Amino acid sequence: MTNPESIPSPASAGAPTAVSPSPLGTVSFVAGTAANLLQLLMQFVFVLLLSSVGYAGLQPVQLIATAIAFVLGAAALVIGVLALLQKNARRALAGAGIALGAVVVLGAVVGLVQGLLLDLV
């Protein structure tokens, strides 16, 4: 009969290690979602402001909202990349956070360039 102590355990026999949830991935996803929701909400606010105070009153609000969304999106990107670099951590939320953050950062840059071009006209 074989001695049970001489049989290698599954962990030492090269079995895959457990994948743990990544708090950084969750933070990245939440930041990216918050940035997207802010941009969505501001689309409705912009229409109301434009109809009530005109374009001149809209510019400062749009700049502030875009800056906040850009910071949240950039944070989602950076934190998501850090979460992907962790070993033995789930990557789905980090990937989603990176995608959401990238959309917001790209949208913020395009929005700022569009605003600058409209000022030139």
C-alpha atoms as a PDB file:
ATOM      1  CA  MET A   1       0.000   0.000   0.000  1.00  0.00           C
ATOM      2  CA  THR A   2       1.235   3.517  -0.786  1.00  0.00           C
ATOM      3  CA  ASN A   3       2.059   5.949   1.961  1.00  0.00           C
ATOM      4  CA  PRO A   4      -0.423   8.944   1.707  1.00  0.00           C
ATOM      5  CA  GLU A   5       2.350  11.366   2.632  1.00  0.00           C
ATOM      6  CA  SER A   6       4.384  10.369  -0.439  1.00  0.00           C
ATOM      7  CA  ILE A   7       1.560  11.276  -2.869  1.00  0.00           C
ATOM      8  CA  PRO A   8       2.001  14.853  -4.129  1.00  0.00           C
ATOM      9  CA  SER A   9      -0.847  17.226  -3.384  1.00  0.00           C
ATOM     10  CA  PRO A  10      -2.703  18.767  -6.356  1.00  0.00           C
ATOM     11  CA  ALA A  11      -1.254  22.214  -5.554  1.00  0.00           C
ATOM     12  CA  SER A  12       2.300  20.932  -5.761  1.00  0.00           C
ATOM     13  CA  ALA A  13       1.553  18.831  -8.858  1.00  0.00           C
ATOM     14  CA  GLY A  14       1.125  21.903 -11.059  1.00  0.00           C
ATOM     15  CA  ALA A  15      -2.602  22.408 -10.611  1.00  0.00           C
ATOM     16  CA  PRO A  16      -3.786  25.902 -11.549  1.00  0.00           C
ATOM     17  CA  THR A  17      -3.913  28.361  -8.703  1.00  0.00           C
ATOM     18  CA  ALA A  18      -7.148  30.015  -7.712  1.00  0.00           C
ATOM     19  CA  VAL A  19      -7.994  33.266  -9.450  1.00  0.00           C
ATOM     20  CA  SER A  20      -8.936  35.947  -6.968  1.00  0.00           C
ATOM     21  CA  PRO A  21     -11.174  38.940  -7.569  1.00  0.00           C
ATOM     22  CA  SER A  22      -9.279  42.102  -8.417  1.00  0.00           C
ATOM     23  CA  PRO A  23     -10.263  45.196  -6.414  1.00  0.00           C
ATOM     24  CA  LEU A  24      -8.359  47.330  -8.917  1.00  0.00           C
ATOM     25  CA  GLY A  25     -10.416  45.866 -11.747  1.00  0.00           C
ATOM     26  CA  THR A  26     -13.594  46.727  -9.877  1.00  0.00           C
ATOM     27  CA  VAL A  27     -12.404  50.295  -9.243  1.00  0.00           C
ATOM     28  CA  SER A  28     -11.482  50.654 -12.916  1.00  0.00           C
ATOM     29  CA  PHE A  29     -14.919  49.435 -13.998  1.00  0.00           C
ATOM     30  CA  VAL A  30     -16.716  51.751 -11.553  1.00  0.00           C
ATOM     31  CA  ALA A  31     -14.647  54.782 -12.646  1.00  0.00           C
ATOM     32  CA  GLY A  32     -15.274  54.046 -16.323  1.00  0.00           C
ATOM     33  CA  THR A  33     -18.988  53.548 -15.737  1.00  0.00           C
ATOM     34  CA  ALA A  34     -19.242  56.764 -13.705  1.00  0.00           C
ATOM     35  CA  ALA A  35     -17.456  58.712 -16.447  1.00  0.00           C
ATOM     36  CA  ASN A  36     -19.804  57.340 -19.115  1.00  0.00           C
ATOM     37  CA  LEU A  37     -22.876  58.075 -17.013  1.00  0.00           C
ATOM     38  CA  LEU A  38     -21.626  61.629 -16.420  1.00  0.00           C
ATOM     39  CA  GLN A  39     -21.223  62.171 -20.144  1.00  0.00           C
ATOM     40  CA  LEU A  40     -24.683  60.749 -20.822  1.00  0.00           C
ATOM     41  CA  LEU A  41     -26.276  62.946 -18.166  1.00  0.00           C
ATOM     42  CA  MET A  42     -24.467  66.015 -19.436  1.00  0.00           C
ATOM     43  CA  GLN A  43     -25.902  65.515 -22.929  1.00  0.00           C
ATOM     44  CA  PHE A  44     -29.341  66.244 -21.486  1.00  0.00           C
ATOM     45  CA  VAL A  45     -28.058  69.114 -19.344  1.00  0.00           C
ATOM     46  CA  PHE A  46     -26.298  70.659 -22.347  1.00  0.00           C
ATOM     47  CA  VAL A  47     -29.539  70.743 -24.339  1.00  0.00           C
ATOM     48  CA  LEU A  48     -31.349  72.456 -21.465  1.00  0.00           C
ATOM     49  CA  LEU A  49     -28.536  74.968 -20.949  1.00  0.00           C
ATOM     50  CA  LEU A  50     -28.231  75.703 -24.642  1.00  0.00           C
ATOM     51  CA  SER A  51     -31.940  76.432 -24.927  1.00  0.00           C
ATOM     52  CA  SER A  52     -32.025  78.615 -21.812  1.00  0.00           C
ATOM     53  CA  VAL A  53     -28.712  80.543 -21.622  1.00  0.00           C
ATOM     54  CA  GLY A  54     -27.176  80.026 -25.050  1.00  0.00           C
ATOM     55  CA  TYR A  55     -23.780  78.822 -26.156  1.00  0.00           C
ATOM     56  CA  ALA A  56     -21.807  81.300 -24.022  1.00  0.00           C
ATOM     57  CA  GLY A  57     -23.329  79.905 -20.823  1.00  0.00           C
ATOM     58  CA  LEU A  58     -22.820  76.359 -21.986  1.00  0.00           C
ATOM     59  CA  GLN A  59     -19.047  76.589 -22.515  1.00  0.00           C
ATOM     60  CA  PRO A  60     -17.896  76.721 -18.854  1.00  0.00           C
ATOM     61  CA  VAL A  61     -20.226  73.907 -17.810  1.00  0.00           C
ATOM     62  CA  GLN A  62     -19.157  71.794 -20.764  1.00  0.00           C
ATOM     63  CA  LEU A  63     -15.475  72.383 -20.003  1.00  0.00           C
ATOM     64  CA  ILE A  64     -15.855  71.414 -16.340  1.00  0.00           C
ATOM     65  CA  ALA A  65     -17.948  68.316 -17.117  1.00  0.00           C
ATOM     66  CA  THR A  66     -15.514  67.224 -19.824  1.00  0.00           C
ATOM     67  CA  ALA A  67     -12.546  67.687 -17.484  1.00  0.00           C
ATOM     68  CA  ILE A  68     -14.209  65.606 -14.757  1.00  0.00           C
ATOM     69  CA  ALA A  69     -15.124  62.879 -17.257  1.00  0.00           C
ATOM     70  CA  PHE A  70     -11.580  62.937 -18.664  1.00  0.00           C
ATOM     71  CA  VAL A  71     -10.052  62.482 -15.201  1.00  0.00           C
ATOM     72  CA  LEU A  72     -12.422  59.603 -14.404  1.00  0.00           C
ATOM     73  CA  GLY A  73     -11.752  57.986 -17.786  1.00  0.00           C
ATOM     74  CA  ALA A  74      -7.985  58.354 -17.437  1.00  0.00           C
ATOM     75  CA  ALA A  75      -8.184  56.886 -13.927  1.00  0.00           C
ATOM     76  CA  ALA A  76     -10.179  53.936 -15.288  1.00  0.00           C
ATOM     77  CA  LEU A  77      -7.522  53.397 -17.966  1.00  0.00           C
ATOM     78  CA  VAL A  78      -4.543  53.545 -15.601  1.00  0.00           C
ATOM     79  CA  ILE A  79      -6.135  51.481 -12.833  1.00  0.00           C
ATOM     80  CA  GLY A  80      -7.378  48.938 -15.373  1.00  0.00           C
ATOM     81  CA  VAL A  81      -3.890  48.487 -16.778  1.00  0.00           C
ATOM     82  CA  LEU A  82      -2.528  48.060 -13.245  1.00  0.00           C
ATOM     83  CA  ALA A  83      -5.220  45.445 -12.579  1.00  0.00           C
ATOM     84  CA  LEU A  84      -4.249  43.549 -15.736  1.00  0.00           C
ATOM     85  CA  LEU A  85      -0.647  43.446 -14.571  1.00  0.00           C
ATOM     86  CA  GLN A  86      -1.613  41.647 -11.354  1.00  0.00           C
ATOM     87  CA  LYS A  87      -0.949  37.931 -11.348  1.00  0.00           C
ATOM     88  CA  ASN A  88      -3.722  35.469 -10.524  1.00  0.00           C
ATOM     89  CA  ALA A  89      -6.464  38.082 -10.662  1.00  0.00           C
ATOM     90  CA  ARG A  90      -9.646  38.215 -12.692  1.00  0.00           C
ATOM     91  CA  ARG A  91      -9.328  40.424 -15.736  1.00  0.00           C
ATOM     92  CA  ALA A  92     -12.860  40.919 -17.045  1.00  0.00           C
ATOM     93  CA  LEU A  93     -13.719  44.027 -15.024  1.00  0.00           C
ATOM     94  CA  ALA A  94     -10.276  45.502 -15.680  1.00  0.00           C
ATOM     95  CA  GLY A  95     -10.747  45.043 -19.412  1.00  0.00           C
ATOM     96  CA  ALA A  96     -14.205  46.566 -19.282  1.00  0.00           C
ATOM     97  CA  GLY A  97     -12.853  49.485 -17.237  1.00  0.00           C
ATOM     98  CA  ILE A  98     -10.113  50.073 -19.796  1.00  0.00           C
ATOM     99  CA  ALA A  99     -12.624  50.054 -22.653  1.00  0.00           C
ATOM    100  CA  LEU A 100     -15.021  52.398 -20.848  1.00  0.00           C
ATOM    101  CA  GLY A 101     -12.184  54.721 -19.870  1.00  0.00           C
ATOM    102  CA  ALA A 102     -10.766  54.786 -23.391  1.00  0.00           C
ATOM    103  CA  VAL A 103     -14.159  55.748 -24.847  1.00  0.00           C
ATOM    104  CA  VAL A 104     -14.489  58.632 -22.382  1.00  0.00           C
ATOM    105  CA  VAL A 105     -10.925  59.889 -22.893  1.00  0.00           C
ATOM    106  CA  LEU A 106     -11.337  59.778 -26.668  1.00  0.00           C
ATOM    107  CA  GLY A 107     -14.718  61.496 -26.425  1.00  0.00           C
ATOM    108  CA  ALA A 108     -13.317  64.204 -24.151  1.00  0.00           C
ATOM    109  CA  VAL A 109     -10.398  64.912 -26.485  1.00  0.00           C
ATOM    110  CA  VAL A 110     -12.687  65.047 -29.533  1.00  0.00           C
ATOM    111  CA  GLY A 111     -15.119  67.298 -27.637  1.00  0.00           C
ATOM    112  CA  LEU A 112     -12.381  69.716 -26.616  1.00  0.00           C
ATOM    113  CA  VAL A 113     -10.992  69.871 -30.144  1.00  0.00           C
ATOM    114  CA  GLN A 114     -14.501  70.431 -31.486  1.00  0.00           C
ATOM    115  CA  GLY A 115     -15.037  73.269 -29.000  1.00  0.00           C
ATOM    116  CA  LEU A 116     -11.770  74.896 -30.018  1.00  0.00           C
ATOM    117  CA  LEU A 117     -12.677  74.631 -33.690  1.00  0.00           C
ATOM    118  CA  LEU A 118     -16.104  76.169 -33.055  1.00  0.00           C
ATOM    119  CA  ASP A 119     -14.432  79.100 -31.291  1.00  0.00           C
ATOM    120  CA  LEU A 120     -12.344  79.740 -34.400  1.00  0.00           C
ATOM    121  CA  VAL A 121     -15.397  79.938 -36.656  1.00  0.00           C
END
